[in-house]
């Protein structure tokens, strides 16, 4: 994978990452996103998965050290099921 070269860099403040482009910020994913547990739309209903535009991470993805792309994209169609619970 190739990364673009930026004019200025800054220290990342992360133990595992040396520098980041100067115009980037470091933030926890939990502060930038809504996370839910138990709300995976059924794979049997293709309306949830075909031509989706919302990035989706499956539970295996969140344990990776680096996430560069979503596991899939889902649609805005919401399944009718019990209330989803916010993840921690």
Protein backbone atom coordinates (compact mmCIF):
# COMPACT_ATOMS: atom_id res chain seq x y z
CA UNK A 1 0.00 0.00 0.00
CA UNK A 2 1.34 3.42 -0.90
CA UNK A 3 0.61 6.53 1.12
CA UNK A 4 0.73 10.11 -0.12
CA UNK A 5 3.63 12.31 0.97
CA UNK A 6 2.59 15.42 2.91
CA UNK A 7 4.46 18.70 3.31
CA UNK A 8 4.38 18.78 7.14
CA UNK A 9 4.14 16.12 9.85
CA UNK A 10 3.59 16.10 13.60
CA UNK A 11 4.15 13.57 16.38
CA UNK A 12 1.10 11.33 16.75
CA UNK A 13 1.19 10.90 20.58
CA UNK A 14 0.50 7.21 19.99
CA UNK A 15 2.98 4.59 21.11
CA UNK A 16 2.62 2.54 17.92
CA UNK A 17 2.54 5.42 15.42
CA UNK A 18 5.44 7.82 14.97
CA UNK A 19 4.15 10.76 12.93
CA UNK A 20 0.98 11.81 11.15
CA UNK A 21 0.28 14.56 8.62
CA UNK A 22 0.17 17.97 10.28
CA UNK A 23 -3.49 18.60 9.39
CA UNK A 24 -4.69 15.31 10.97
CA UNK A 25 -5.97 14.81 14.50
CA UNK A 26 -5.79 11.69 16.64
CA UNK A 27 -9.09 10.61 18.20
CA UNK A 28 -10.67 7.50 19.63
CA UNK A 29 -13.07 5.79 17.25
CA UNK A 30 -15.72 5.67 19.98
CA UNK A 31 -15.79 9.48 20.01
CA UNK A 32 -16.22 9.73 16.24
CA UNK A 33 -18.85 7.08 15.62
CA UNK A 34 -22.02 5.42 16.80
CA UNK A 35 -21.41 1.84 17.82
CA UNK A 36 -24.10 -0.75 18.30
CA UNK A 37 -24.15 -4.33 19.35
CA UNK A 38 -26.67 -6.97 18.34
CA UNK A 39 -28.04 -4.93 15.45
CA UNK A 40 -26.55 -6.72 12.44
CA UNK A 41 -29.10 -6.70 9.64
CA UNK A 42 -30.01 -10.13 8.34
CA UNK A 43 -27.77 -11.32 5.50
CA UNK A 44 -30.87 -13.09 4.15
CA UNK A 45 -32.45 -9.74 3.31
CA UNK A 46 -30.36 -8.33 0.47
CA UNK A 47 -32.12 -4.95 0.76
CA UNK A 48 -29.88 -4.23 3.76
CA UNK A 49 -26.65 -5.03 1.92
CA UNK A 50 -26.99 -4.29 -1.80
CA UNK A 51 -25.87 -0.84 -2.96
CA UNK A 52 -25.25 0.30 0.60
CA UNK A 53 -23.46 3.55 1.37
CA UNK A 54 -23.00 3.30 5.16
CA UNK A 55 -19.64 1.79 6.20
CA UNK A 56 -20.08 -1.38 8.28
CA UNK A 57 -17.48 -3.07 10.49
CA UNK A 58 -18.08 -6.60 11.66
CA UNK A 59 -16.93 -7.64 15.12
CA UNK A 60 -13.76 -9.27 13.77
CA UNK A 61 -12.65 -6.02 12.15
CA UNK A 62 -12.61 -4.01 15.34
CA UNK A 63 -9.86 -6.21 16.77
CA UNK A 64 -7.49 -5.38 13.92
CA UNK A 65 -4.72 -2.94 14.70
CA UNK A 66 -5.47 -0.86 11.63
CA UNK A 67 -8.75 -0.51 9.77
CA UNK A 68 -8.30 0.81 6.25
CA UNK A 69 -11.69 -0.04 4.79
CA UNK A 70 -15.09 -1.21 6.04
CA UNK A 71 -16.08 -4.89 6.07
CA UNK A 72 -19.10 -3.99 3.94
CA UNK A 73 -21.54 -1.18 3.20
CA UNK A 74 -25.15 -1.32 4.37
CA UNK A 75 -28.24 0.59 3.31
CA UNK A 76 -30.26 3.01 5.43
CA UNK A 77 -33.12 0.49 5.66
CA UNK A 78 -33.52 -0.32 9.34
CA UNK A 79 -34.48 -3.79 10.46
CA UNK A 80 -37.59 -4.07 12.62
CA UNK A 81 -36.29 -5.71 15.77
CA UNK A 82 -35.73 -5.04 19.42
CA UNK A 83 -33.93 -1.87 20.52
CA UNK A 84 -30.23 -1.83 19.72
CA UNK A 85 -27.80 -1.37 22.57
CA UNK A 86 -25.00 1.20 22.41
CA UNK A 87 -21.54 -0.42 22.58
CA UNK A 88 -18.91 0.67 25.06
